[in-house]
Amino acid sequence: MEFIERMKRVQEEVEAALKKTQEEIKRYADRNRRKIENWKKRDRVMLSTKDLVFKERPVQKLVERYVGLYEIKEVVLSNVVKLRLLSSMRIHLVVNVSRIIWYREQVKG
């Protein structure tokens, strides 16, 4: 009986330690996560130029961070959208949502 009682106590302690560790890991993992944005068809977005190559602008330093006013053609998954891009862009129409931001009206002047 003593052995059984001791094993129950050890098991309860281990469960408490595991729960505490899980909460800590979740807290540290959630620190770098972004809030999920709900993208819809016909939303207006701008595309990141991070991995795009522009022949007319050979110096990456002088290229804008985001270009264009593009429209979401279709939401493929919660993290993937299909854009309505110009044919001259020559990139795949389906992009990850980490590559787009909401379009905001530009300040004149």
PDB file of N, CA and C in Angstrom:
ATOM      1  N   MET A   1       0.829  -1.206   0.000  1.00  0.00           N
ATOM      2  CA  MET A   1       0.000   0.000   0.000  1.00  0.00           C
ATOM      3  C   MET A   1       0.866   1.259   0.000  1.00  0.00           C
ATOM      4  N   GLU A   2       1.952   1.223   0.769  1.00  0.00           N
ATOM      5  CA  GLU A   2       2.838   2.388   0.807  1.00  0.00           C
ATOM      6  C   GLU A   2       3.436   2.665  -0.569  1.00  0.00           C
ATOM      7  N   PHE A   3       3.804   1.600  -1.262  1.00  0.00           N
ATOM      8  CA  PHE A   3       4.385   1.741  -2.590  1.00  0.00           C
ATOM      9  C   PHE A   3       3.380   2.376  -3.553  1.00  0.00           C
ATOM     10  N   ILE A   4       2.137   1.943  -3.475  1.00  0.00           N
ATOM     11  CA  ILE A   4       1.092   2.481  -4.351  1.00  0.00           C
ATOM     12  C   ILE A   4       0.870   3.962  -4.065  1.00  0.00           C
ATOM     13  N   GLU A   5       0.796   4.322  -2.790  1.00  0.00           N
ATOM     14  CA  GLU A   5       0.600   5.720  -2.413  1.00  0.00           C
ATOM     15  C   GLU A   5       1.771   6.587  -2.897  1.00  0.00           C
ATOM     16  N   ARG A   6       2.989   6.072  -2.720  1.00  0.00           N
ATOM     17  CA  ARG A   6       4.169   6.814  -3.137  1.00  0.00           C
ATOM     18  C   ARG A   6       4.172   7.004  -4.661  1.00  0.00           C
ATOM     19  N   MET A   7       3.781   5.986  -5.417  1.00  0.00           N
ATOM     20  CA  MET A   7       3.733   6.074  -6.880  1.00  0.00           C
ATOM     21  C   MET A   7       2.662   7.067  -7.333  1.00  0.00           C
ATOM     22  N   LYS A   8       1.531   7.121  -6.642  1.00  0.00           N
ATOM     23  CA  LYS A   8       0.487   8.093  -6.972  1.00  0.00           C
ATOM     24  C   LYS A   8       0.991   9.513  -6.769  1.00  0.00           C
ATOM     25  N   ARG A   9       1.689   9.750  -5.658  1.00  0.00           N
ATOM     26  CA  ARG A   9       2.250  11.084  -5.384  1.00  0.00           C
ATOM     27  C   ARG A   9       3.272  11.470  -6.455  1.00  0.00           C
ATOM     28  N   VAL A  10       4.130  10.544  -6.811  1.00  0.00           N
ATOM     29  CA  VAL A  10       5.148  10.813  -7.845  1.00  0.00           C
ATOM     30  C   VAL A  10       4.478  11.130  -9.171  1.00  0.00           C
ATOM     31  N   GLN A  11       3.446  10.383  -9.512  1.00  0.00           N
ATOM     32  CA  GLN A  11       2.735  10.610 -10.764  1.00  0.00           C
ATOM     33  C   GLN A  11       2.069  11.989 -10.759  1.00  0.00           C
ATOM     34  N   GLU A  12       1.464  12.394  -9.659  1.00  0.00           N
ATOM     35  CA  GLU A  12       0.843  13.715  -9.557  1.00  0.00           C
ATOM     36  C   GLU A  12       1.886  14.819  -9.692  1.00  0.00           C
ATOM     37  N   GLU A  13       3.049  14.642  -9.074  1.00  0.00           N
ATOM     38  CA  GLU A  13       4.119  15.630  -9.180  1.00  0.00           C
ATOM     39  C   GLU A  13       4.622  15.750 -10.615  1.00  0.00           C
ATOM     40  N   VAL A  14       4.766  14.609 -11.284  1.00  0.00           N
ATOM     41  CA  VAL A  14       5.237  14.612 -12.675  1.00  0.00           C
ATOM     42  C   VAL A  14       4.214  15.296 -13.576  1.00  0.00           C
ATOM     43  N   GLU A  15       2.939  15.019 -13.384  1.00  0.00           N
ATOM     44  CA  GLU A  15       1.891  15.652 -14.178  1.00  0.00           C
ATOM     45  C   GLU A  15       1.895  17.164 -13.980  1.00  0.00           C
ATOM     46  N   ALA A  16       2.068  17.618 -12.736  1.00  0.00           N
ATOM     47  CA  ALA A  16       2.123  19.053 -12.459  1.00  0.00           C
ATOM     48  C   ALA A  16       3.338  19.689 -13.120  1.00  0.00           C
ATOM     49  N   ALA A  17       4.485  19.026 -13.068  1.00  0.00           N
ATOM     50  CA  ALA A  17       5.696  19.555 -13.692  1.00  0.00           C
ATOM     51  C   ALA A  17       5.544  19.622 -15.210  1.00  0.00           C
ATOM     52  N   LEU A  18       4.945  18.605 -15.808  1.00  0.00           N
ATOM     53  CA  LEU A  18       4.728  18.602 -17.252  1.00  0.00           C
ATOM     54  C   LEU A  18       3.777  19.706 -17.680  1.00  0.00           C
ATOM     55  N   LYS A  19       2.726  19.921 -16.902  1.00  0.00           N
ATOM     56  CA  LYS A  19       1.758  20.973 -17.236  1.00  0.00           C
ATOM     57  C   LYS A  19       2.424  22.342 -17.168  1.00  0.00           C
ATOM     58  N   LYS A  20       3.233  22.558 -16.143  1.00  0.00           N
ATOM     59  CA  LYS A  20       3.950  23.826 -16.002  1.00  0.00           C
ATOM     60  C   LYS A  20       4.908  24.039 -17.174  1.00  0.00           C
ATOM     61  N   THR A  21       5.626  22.990 -17.571  1.00  0.00           N
ATOM     62  CA  THR A  21       6.554  23.085 -18.691  1.00  0.00           C
ATOM     63  C   THR A  21       5.821  23.372 -19.990  1.00  0.00           C
ATOM     64  N   GLN A  22       4.683  22.725 -20.216  1.00  0.00           N
ATOM     65  CA  GLN A  22       3.892  22.976 -21.416  1.00  0.00           C
ATOM     66  C   GLN A  22       3.428  24.426 -21.491  1.00  0.00           C
ATOM     67  N   GLU A  23       2.996  24.986 -20.368  1.00  0.00           N
ATOM     68  CA  GLU A  23       2.554  26.379 -20.346  1.00  0.00           C
ATOM     69  C   GLU A  23       3.702  27.330 -20.656  1.00  0.00           C
ATOM     70  N   GLU A  24       4.889  27.047 -20.122  1.00  0.00           N
ATOM     71  CA  GLU A  24       6.054  27.883 -20.407  1.00  0.00           C
ATOM     72  C   GLU A  24       6.435  27.839 -21.878  1.00  0.00           C
ATOM     73  N   ILE A  25       6.445  26.634 -22.452  1.00  0.00           N
ATOM     74  CA  ILE A  25       6.797  26.487 -23.864  1.00  0.00           C
ATOM     75  C   ILE A  25       5.781  27.209 -24.740  1.00  0.00           C
ATOM     76  N   LYS A  26       4.506  27.102 -24.402  1.00  0.00           N
ATOM     77  CA  LYS A  26       3.466  27.791 -25.170  1.00  0.00           C
ATOM     78  C   LYS A  26       3.646  29.299 -25.086  1.00  0.00           C
ATOM     79  N   ARG A  27       3.960  29.807 -23.911  1.00  0.00           N
ATOM     80  CA  ARG A  27       4.157  31.242 -23.739  1.00  0.00           C
ATOM     81  C   ARG A  27       5.323  31.735 -24.596  1.00  0.00           C
ATOM     82  N   TYR A  28       6.431  31.008 -24.607  1.00  0.00           N
ATOM     83  CA  TYR A  28       7.584  31.413 -25.402  1.00  0.00           C
ATOM     84  C   TYR A  28       7.310  31.274 -26.905  1.00  0.00           C
ATOM     85  N   ALA A  29       6.561  30.252 -27.310  1.00  0.00           N
ATOM     86  CA  ALA A  29       6.250  30.065 -28.729  1.00  0.00           C
ATOM     87  C   ALA A  29       5.284  31.143 -29.217  1.00  0.00           C
ATOM     88  N   ASP A  30       4.312  31.518 -28.393  1.00  0.00           N
ATOM     89  CA  ASP A  30       3.323  32.525 -28.787  1.00  0.00           C
ATOM     90  C   ASP A  30       3.913  33.930 -28.847  1.00  0.00           C
ATOM     91  N   ARG A  31       5.062  34.123 -28.279  1.00  0.00           N
ATOM     92  CA  ARG A  31       5.683  35.441 -28.255  1.00  0.00           C
ATOM     93  C   ARG A  31       5.955  35.955 -29.664  1.00  0.00           C
ATOM     94  N   ASN A  32       6.336  35.068 -30.585  1.00  0.00           N
ATOM     95  CA  ASN A  32       6.707  35.471 -31.934  1.00  0.00           C
ATOM     96  C   ASN A  32       5.618  35.232 -32.973  1.00  0.00           C
ATOM     97  N   ARG A  33       4.468  34.803 -32.554  1.00  0.00           N
ATOM     98  CA  ARG A  33       3.387  34.550 -33.496  1.00  0.00           C
ATOM     99  C   ARG A  33       2.589  35.820 -33.733  1.00  0.00           C
ATOM    100  N   ARG A  34       2.193  35.988 -34.997  1.00  0.00           N
ATOM    101  CA  ARG A  34       1.364  37.137 -35.351  1.00  0.00           C
ATOM    102  C   ARG A  34      -0.109  36.760 -35.251  1.00  0.00           C
ATOM    103  N   LYS A  35      -0.920  37.772 -35.067  1.00  0.00           N
ATOM    104  CA  LYS A  35      -2.354  37.555 -35.057  1.00  0.00           C
ATOM    105  C   LYS A  35      -2.800  37.165 -36.464  1.00  0.00           C
ATOM    106  N   ILE A  36      -3.672  36.185 -36.572  1.00  0.00           N
ATOM    107  CA  ILE A  36      -4.152  35.736 -37.874  1.00  0.00           C
ATOM    108  C   ILE A  36      -5.112  36.768 -38.431  1.00  0.00           C
ATOM    109  N   GLU A  37      -4.829  37.203 -39.649  1.00  0.00           N
ATOM    110  CA  GLU A  37      -5.695  38.178 -40.302  1.00  0.00           C
ATOM    111  C   GLU A  37      -6.661  37.440 -41.213  1.00  0.00           C
ATOM    112  N   ASN A  38      -7.871  37.912 -41.272  1.00  0.00           N
ATOM    113  CA  ASN A  38      -8.882  37.278 -42.116  1.00  0.00           C
ATOM    114  C   ASN A  38      -8.886  37.957 -43.471  1.00  0.00           C
ATOM    115  N   TRP A  39      -8.298  37.298 -44.456  1.00  0.00           N
ATOM    116  CA  TRP A  39      -8.261  37.833 -45.807  1.00  0.00           C
ATOM    117  C   TRP A  39      -9.519  37.389 -46.537  1.00  0.00           C
ATOM    118  N   LYS A  40     -10.059  38.271 -47.353  1.00  0.00           N
ATOM    119  CA  LYS A  40     -11.258  37.958 -48.121  1.00  0.00           C
ATOM    120  C   LYS A  40     -11.010  38.252 -49.593  1.00  0.00           C
ATOM    121  N   LYS A  41     -11.830  37.674 -50.420  1.00  0.00           N
ATOM    122  CA  LYS A  41     -11.764  37.939 -51.850  1.00  0.00           C
ATOM    123  C   LYS A  41     -12.026  39.432 -52.075  1.00  0.00           C
ATOM    124  N   ARG A  42     -11.300  40.030 -52.993  1.00  0.00           N
ATOM    125  CA  ARG A  42     -11.388  41.442 -53.383  1.00  0.00           C
ATOM    126  C   ARG A  42     -10.758  42.412 -52.379  1.00  0.00           C
ATOM    127  N   ASP A  43     -10.070  41.890 -51.359  1.00  0.00           N
ATOM    128  CA  ASP A  43      -9.306  42.781 -50.478  1.00  0.00           C
ATOM    129  C   ASP A  43      -8.153  43.374 -51.269  1.00  0.00           C
ATOM    130  N   ARG A  44      -7.810  44.617 -50.952  1.00  0.00           N
ATOM    131  CA  ARG A  44      -6.710  45.285 -51.641  1.00  0.00           C
ATOM    132  C   ARG A  44      -5.451  45.152 -50.798  1.00  0.00           C
ATOM    133  N   VAL A  45      -4.361  44.710 -51.435  1.00  0.00           N
ATOM    134  CA  VAL A  45      -3.122  44.433 -50.710  1.00  0.00           C
ATOM    135  C   VAL A  45      -1.926  44.979 -51.481  1.00  0.00           C
ATOM    136  N   MET A  46      -0.800  45.027 -50.768  1.00  0.00           N
ATOM    137  CA  MET A  46       0.477  45.373 -51.377  1.00  0.00           C
ATOM    138  C   MET A  46       1.400  44.167 -51.214  1.00  0.00           C
ATOM    139  N   LEU A  47       2.281  43.954 -52.194  1.00  0.00           N
ATOM    140  CA  LEU A  47       3.155  42.789 -52.238  1.00  0.00           C
ATOM    141  C   LEU A  47       4.564  43.164 -51.816  1.00  0.00           C
ATOM    142  N   SER A  48       5.180  42.334 -50.982  1.00  0.00           N
ATOM    143  CA  SER A  48       6.540  42.562 -50.518  1.00  0.00           C
ATOM    144  C   SER A  48       7.527  42.357 -51.656  1.00  0.00           C
ATOM    145  N   THR A  49       8.561  43.193 -51.708  1.00  0.00           N
ATOM    146  CA  THR A  49       9.594  43.071 -52.739  1.00  0.00           C
ATOM    147  C   THR A  49      10.838  42.370 -52.207  1.00  0.00           C
ATOM    148  N   LYS A  50      10.731  41.734 -51.075  1.00  0.00           N
ATOM    149  CA  LYS A  50      11.903  41.151 -50.416  1.00  0.00           C
ATOM    150  C   LYS A  50      12.680  40.196 -51.320  1.00  0.00           C
ATOM    151  N   ASP A  51      12.019  39.259 -51.984  1.00  0.00           N
ATOM    152  CA  ASP A  51      12.708  38.287 -52.820  1.00  0.00           C
ATOM    153  C   ASP A  51      12.456  38.492 -54.308  1.00  0.00           C
ATOM    154  N   LEU A  52      11.911  39.631 -54.681  1.00  0.00           N
ATOM    155  CA  LEU A  52      11.666  39.919 -56.089  1.00  0.00           C
ATOM    156  C   LEU A  52      12.874  40.613 -56.700  1.00  0.00           C
ATOM    157  N   VAL A  53      13.108  40.352 -57.975  1.00  0.00           N
ATOM    158  CA  VAL A  53      14.217  40.981 -58.691  1.00  0.00           C
ATOM    159  C   VAL A  53      13.628  41.909 -59.744  1.00  0.00           C
ATOM    160  N   PHE A  54      14.027  43.178 -59.708  1.00  0.00           N
ATOM    161  CA  PHE A  54      13.591  44.156 -60.684  1.00  0.00           C
ATOM    162  C   PHE A  54      14.757  44.501 -61.592  1.00  0.00           C
ATOM    163  N   LYS A  55      14.611  44.266 -62.893  1.00  0.00           N
ATOM    164  CA  LYS A  55      15.695  44.540 -63.835  1.00  0.00           C
ATOM    165  C   LYS A  55      15.925  46.038 -64.007  1.00  0.00           C
ATOM    166  N   GLU A  56      14.859  46.820 -63.912  1.00  0.00           N
ATOM    167  CA  GLU A  56      15.013  48.266 -64.087  1.00  0.00           C
ATOM    168  C   GLU A  56      15.649  48.937 -62.866  1.00  0.00           C
ATOM    169  N   ARG A  57      15.691  48.235 -61.745  1.00  0.00           N
ATOM    170  CA  ARG A  57      16.317  48.763 -60.529  1.00  0.00           C
ATOM    171  C   ARG A  57      17.299  47.730 -59.985  1.00  0.00           C
ATOM    172  N   PRO A  58      18.533  47.765 -60.454  1.00  0.00           N
ATOM    173  CA  PRO A  58      19.486  46.731 -60.051  1.00  0.00           C
ATOM    174  C   PRO A  58      19.932  46.816 -58.594  1.00  0.00           C
ATOM    175  N   VAL A  59      19.794  47.989 -57.977  1.00  0.00           N
ATOM    176  CA  VAL A  59      20.232  48.153 -56.592  1.00  0.00           C
ATOM    177  C   VAL A  59      19.047  47.882 -55.665  1.00  0.00           C
ATOM    178  N   GLN A  60      19.159  46.831 -54.868  1.00  0.00           N
ATOM    179  CA  GLN A  60      18.072  46.425 -53.971  1.00  0.00           C
ATOM    180  C   GLN A  60      17.761  47.509 -52.951  1.00  0.00           C
ATOM    181  N   LYS A  61      18.753  48.290 -52.597  1.00  0.00           N
ATOM    182  CA  LYS A  61      18.585  49.309 -51.564  1.00  0.00           C
ATOM    183  C   LYS A  61      17.577  50.393 -51.981  1.00  0.00           C
ATOM    184  N   LEU A  62      17.447  50.625 -53.277  1.00  0.00           N
ATOM    185  CA  LEU A  62      16.583  51.700 -53.762  1.00  0.00           C
ATOM    186  C   LEU A  62      15.173  51.247 -54.123  1.00  0.00           C
ATOM    187  N   VAL A  63      14.869  49.981 -53.931  1.00  0.00           N
ATOM    188  CA  VAL A  63      13.550  49.441 -54.265  1.00  0.00           C
ATOM    189  C   VAL A  63      12.625  49.609 -53.062  1.00  0.00           C
ATOM    190  N   GLU A  64      11.361  49.926 -53.335  1.00  0.00           N
ATOM    191  CA  GLU A  64      10.383  50.054 -52.252  1.00  0.00           C
ATOM    192  C   GLU A  64      10.200  48.724 -51.541  1.00  0.00           C
ATOM    193  N   ARG A  65       9.768  48.770 -50.308  1.00  0.00           N
ATOM    194  CA  ARG A  65       9.533  47.523 -49.563  1.00  0.00           C
ATOM    195  C   ARG A  65       8.295  46.793 -50.062  1.00  0.00           C
ATOM    196  N   TYR A  66       7.273  47.534 -50.415  1.00  0.00           N
ATOM    197  CA  TYR A  66       6.031  46.952 -50.914  1.00  0.00           C
ATOM    198  C   TYR A  66       5.629  47.678 -52.183  1.00  0.00           C
ATOM    199  N   VAL A  67       5.077  46.932 -53.137  1.00  0.00           N
ATOM    200  CA  VAL A  67       4.675  47.535 -54.404  1.00  0.00           C
ATOM    201  C   VAL A  67       3.223  47.231 -54.698  1.00  0.00           C
ATOM    202  N   GLY A  68       2.680  48.120 -55.512  1.00  0.00           N
ATOM    203  CA  GLY A  68       1.395  47.899 -56.137  1.00  0.00           C
ATOM    204  C   GLY A  68       0.174  47.980 -55.269  1.00  0.00           C
ATOM    205  N   LEU A  69      -0.902  47.969 -55.973  1.00  0.00           N
ATOM    206  CA  LEU A  69      -2.223  47.825 -55.388  1.00  0.00           C
ATOM    207  C   LEU A  69      -2.811  46.617 -56.100  1.00  0.00           C
ATOM    208  N   TYR A  70      -2.810  45.491 -55.424  1.00  0.00           N
ATOM    209  CA  TYR A  70      -3.294  44.257 -56.025  1.00  0.00           C
ATOM    210  C   TYR A  70      -4.527  43.784 -55.279  1.00  0.00           C
ATOM    211  N   GLU A  71      -5.291  42.978 -55.971  1.00  0.00           N
ATOM    212  CA  GLU A  71      -6.541  42.480 -55.418  1.00  0.00           C
ATOM    213  C   GLU A  71      -6.426  40.980 -55.181  1.00  0.00           C
ATOM    214  N   ILE A  72      -7.007  40.525 -54.097  1.00  0.00           N
ATOM    215  CA  ILE A  72      -7.028  39.086 -53.829  1.00  0.00           C
ATOM    216  C   ILE A  72      -8.099  38.461 -54.705  1.00  0.00           C
ATOM    217  N   LYS A  73      -7.658  37.537 -55.522  1.00  0.00           N
ATOM    218  CA  LYS A  73      -8.556  36.861 -56.446  1.00  0.00           C
ATOM    219  C   LYS A  73      -9.286  35.708 -55.757  1.00  0.00           C
ATOM    220  N   GLU A  74      -8.553  35.032 -54.863  1.00  0.00           N
ATOM    221  CA  GLU A  74      -9.119  33.860 -54.192  1.00  0.00           C
ATOM    222  C   GLU A  74      -8.300  33.562 -52.941  1.00  0.00           C
ATOM    223  N   VAL A  75      -8.979  33.122 -51.890  1.00  0.00           N
ATOM    224  CA  VAL A  75      -8.294  32.668 -50.681  1.00  0.00           C
ATOM    225  C   VAL A  75      -8.175  31.152 -50.786  1.00  0.00           C
ATOM    226  N   VAL A  76      -6.943  30.677 -51.016  1.00  0.00           N
ATOM    227  CA  VAL A  76      -6.719  29.245 -51.206  1.00  0.00           C
ATOM    228  C   VAL A  76      -6.770  28.521 -49.863  1.00  0.00           C
ATOM    229  N   LEU A  77      -5.959  28.974 -48.914  1.00  0.00           N
ATOM    230  CA  LEU A  77      -5.947  28.456 -47.545  1.00  0.00           C
ATOM    231  C   LEU A  77      -5.925  29.659 -46.606  1.00  0.00           C
ATOM    232  N   SER A  78      -5.903  29.409 -45.317  1.00  0.00           N
ATOM    233  CA  SER A  78      -5.880  30.530 -44.369  1.00  0.00           C
ATOM    234  C   SER A  78      -4.578  31.310 -44.454  1.00  0.00           C
ATOM    235  N   ASN A  79      -3.505  30.686 -44.964  1.00  0.00           N
ATOM    236  CA  ASN A  79      -2.230  31.392 -45.066  1.00  0.00           C
ATOM    237  C   ASN A  79      -1.733  31.536 -46.503  1.00  0.00           C
ATOM    238  N   VAL A  80      -2.582  31.217 -47.481  1.00  0.00           N
ATOM    239  CA  VAL A  80      -2.200  31.316 -48.889  1.00  0.00           C
ATOM    240  C   VAL A  80      -3.328  31.983 -49.664  1.00  0.00           C
ATOM    241  N   VAL A  81      -2.959  32.989 -50.485  1.00  0.00           N
ATOM    242  CA  VAL A  81      -3.944  33.687 -51.311  1.00  0.00           C
ATOM    243  C   VAL A  81      -3.471  33.733 -52.754  1.00  0.00           C
ATOM    244  N   LYS A  82      -4.423  33.880 -53.642  1.00  0.00           N
ATOM    245  CA  LYS A  82      -4.122  34.023 -55.057  1.00  0.00           C
ATOM    246  C   LYS A  82      -4.399  35.475 -55.423  1.00  0.00           C
ATOM    247  N   LEU A  83      -3.401  36.145 -56.010  1.00  0.00           N
ATOM    248  CA  LEU A  83      -3.514  37.566 -56.324  1.00  0.00           C
ATOM    249  C   LEU A  83      -3.794  37.776 -57.799  1.00  0.00           C
ATOM    250  N   ARG A  84      -4.382  38.908 -58.102  1.00  0.00           N
ATOM    251  CA  ARG A  84      -4.557  39.337 -59.478  1.00  0.00           C
ATOM    252  C   ARG A  84      -3.388  40.266 -59.786  1.00  0.00           C
ATOM    253  N   LEU A  85      -2.340  39.710 -60.415  1.00  0.00           N
ATOM    254  CA  LEU A  85      -1.115  40.442 -60.700  1.00  0.00           C
ATOM    255  C   LEU A  85      -1.019  40.791 -62.171  1.00  0.00           C
ATOM    256  N   LEU A  86      -0.138  41.725 -62.468  1.00  0.00           N
ATOM    257  CA  LEU A  86       0.146  42.062 -63.852  1.00  0.00           C
ATOM    258  C   LEU A  86       0.925  40.918 -64.493  1.00  0.00           C
ATOM    259  N   SER A  87       0.721  40.693 -65.776  1.00  0.00           N
ATOM    260  CA  SER A  87       1.441  39.608 -66.452  1.00  0.00           C
ATOM    261  C   SER A  87       2.925  39.918 -66.561  1.00  0.00           C
ATOM    262  N   SER A  88       3.302  41.180 -66.480  1.00  0.00           N
ATOM    263  CA  SER A  88       4.717  41.554 -66.555  1.00  0.00           C
ATOM    264  C   SER A  88       5.479  41.231 -65.274  1.00  0.00           C
ATOM    265  N   MET A  89       4.780  40.915 -64.196  1.00  0.00           N
ATOM    266  CA  MET A  89       5.442  40.591 -62.931  1.00  0.00           C
ATOM    267  C   MET A  89       6.219  39.280 -63.020  1.00  0.00           C
ATOM    268  N   ARG A  90       5.718  38.308 -63.749  1.00  0.00           N
ATOM    269  CA  ARG A  90       6.367  37.015 -63.946  1.00  0.00           C
ATOM    270  C   ARG A  90       6.698  36.297 -62.642  1.00  0.00           C
ATOM    271  N   ILE A  91       5.766  36.323 -61.738  1.00  0.00           N
ATOM    272  CA  ILE A  91       5.881  35.530 -60.518  1.00  0.00           C
ATOM    273  C   ILE A  91       4.604  34.714 -60.377  1.00  0.00           C
ATOM    274  N   HIS A  92       4.635  33.742 -59.510  1.00  0.00           N
ATOM    275  CA  HIS A  92       3.470  32.888 -59.302  1.00  0.00           C
ATOM    276  C   HIS A  92       2.359  33.706 -58.650  1.00  0.00           C
ATOM    277  N   LEU A  93       1.138  33.452 -59.062  1.00  0.00           N
ATOM    278  CA  LEU A  93       0.003  34.210 -58.544  1.00  0.00           C
ATOM    279  C   LEU A  93      -0.336  33.861 -57.104  1.00  0.00           C
ATOM    280  N   VAL A  94       0.023  32.663 -56.661  1.00  0.00           N
ATOM    281  CA  VAL A  94      -0.291  32.209 -55.307  1.00  0.00           C
ATOM    282  C   VAL A  94       0.869  32.555 -54.391  1.00  0.00           C
ATOM    283  N   VAL A  95       0.576  33.341 -53.348  1.00  0.00           N
ATOM    284  CA  VAL A  95       1.629  33.772 -52.420  1.00  0.00           C
ATOM    285  C   VAL A  95       1.195  33.533 -50.981  1.00  0.00           C
ATOM    286  N   ASN A  96       2.169  33.444 -50.115  1.00  0.00           N
ATOM    287  CA  ASN A  96       1.912  33.302 -48.691  1.00  0.00           C
ATOM    288  C   ASN A  96       1.502  34.659 -48.124  1.00  0.00           C
ATOM    289  N   VAL A  97       0.661  34.655 -47.103  1.00  0.00           N
ATOM    290  CA  VAL A  97       0.182  35.917 -46.532  1.00  0.00           C
ATOM    291  C   VAL A  97       1.290  36.701 -45.829  1.00  0.00           C
ATOM    292  N   SER A  98       2.427  36.062 -45.555  1.00  0.00           N
ATOM    293  CA  SER A  98       3.541  36.799 -44.962  1.00  0.00           C
ATOM    294  C   SER A  98       4.150  37.769 -45.970  1.00  0.00           C
ATOM    295  N   ARG A  99       3.834  37.614 -47.252  1.00  0.00           N
ATOM    296  CA  ARG A  99       4.369  38.476 -48.316  1.00  0.00           C
ATOM    297  C   ARG A  99       3.457  39.643 -48.659  1.00  0.00           C
ATOM    298  N   ILE A 100       2.303  39.754 -48.013  1.00  0.00           N
ATOM    299  CA  ILE A 100       1.373  40.833 -48.336  1.00  0.00           C
ATOM    300  C   ILE A 100       0.988  41.608 -47.086  1.00  0.00           C
ATOM    301  N   ILE A 101       0.585  42.853 -47.305  1.00  0.00           N
ATOM    302  CA  ILE A 101       0.039  43.673 -46.225  1.00  0.00           C
ATOM    303  C   ILE A 101      -1.211  44.368 -46.753  1.00  0.00           C
ATOM    304  N   TRP A 102      -2.027  44.863 -45.851  1.00  0.00           N
ATOM    305  CA  TRP A 102      -3.218  45.611 -46.243  1.00  0.00           C
ATOM    306  C   TRP A 102      -2.789  46.869 -46.984  1.00  0.00           C
ATOM    307  N   TYR A 103      -3.534  47.240 -47.998  1.00  0.00           N
ATOM    308  CA  TYR A 103      -3.264  48.476 -48.734  1.00  0.00           C
ATOM    309  C   TYR A 103      -3.859  49.642 -47.968  1.00  0.00           C
ATOM    310  N   ARG A 104      -3.074  50.661 -47.792  1.00  0.00           N
ATOM    311  CA  ARG A 104      -3.543  51.904 -47.169  1.00  0.00           C
ATOM    312  C   ARG A 104      -3.416  53.019 -48.195  1.00  0.00           C
ATOM    313  N   GLU A 105      -4.352  53.916 -48.196  1.00  0.00           N
ATOM    314  CA  GLU A 105      -4.287  55.035 -49.133  1.00  0.00           C
ATOM    315  C   GLU A 105      -2.996  55.795 -48.925  1.00  0.00           C
ATOM    316  N   GLN A 106      -2.323  56.114 -50.023  1.00  0.00           N
ATOM    317  CA  GLN A 106      -1.052  56.814 -49.955  1.00  0.00           C
ATOM    318  C   GLN A 106      -1.262  58.300 -49.680  1.00  0.00           C
ATOM    319  N   VAL A 107      -0.335  58.861 -48.949  1.00  0.00           N
ATOM    320  CA  VAL A 107      -0.386  60.278 -48.629  1.00  0.00           C
ATOM    321  C   VAL A 107       0.119  61.054 -49.839  1.00  0.00           C
ATOM    322  N   LYS A 108      -0.637  62.030 -50.277  1.00  0.00           N
ATOM    323  CA  LYS A 108      -0.207  62.817 -51.435  1.00  0.00           C
ATOM    324  C   LYS A 108       0.827  63.837 -50.991  1.00  0.00           C
ATOM    325  N   GLY A 109       1.842  63.997 -51.850  1.00  0.00           N
ATOM    326  CA  GLY A 109       2.897  64.971 -51.573  1.00  0.00           C
ATOM    327  C   GLY A 109       3.881  64.378 -50.639  1.00  0.00           C
TER     328      GLY A 109
END
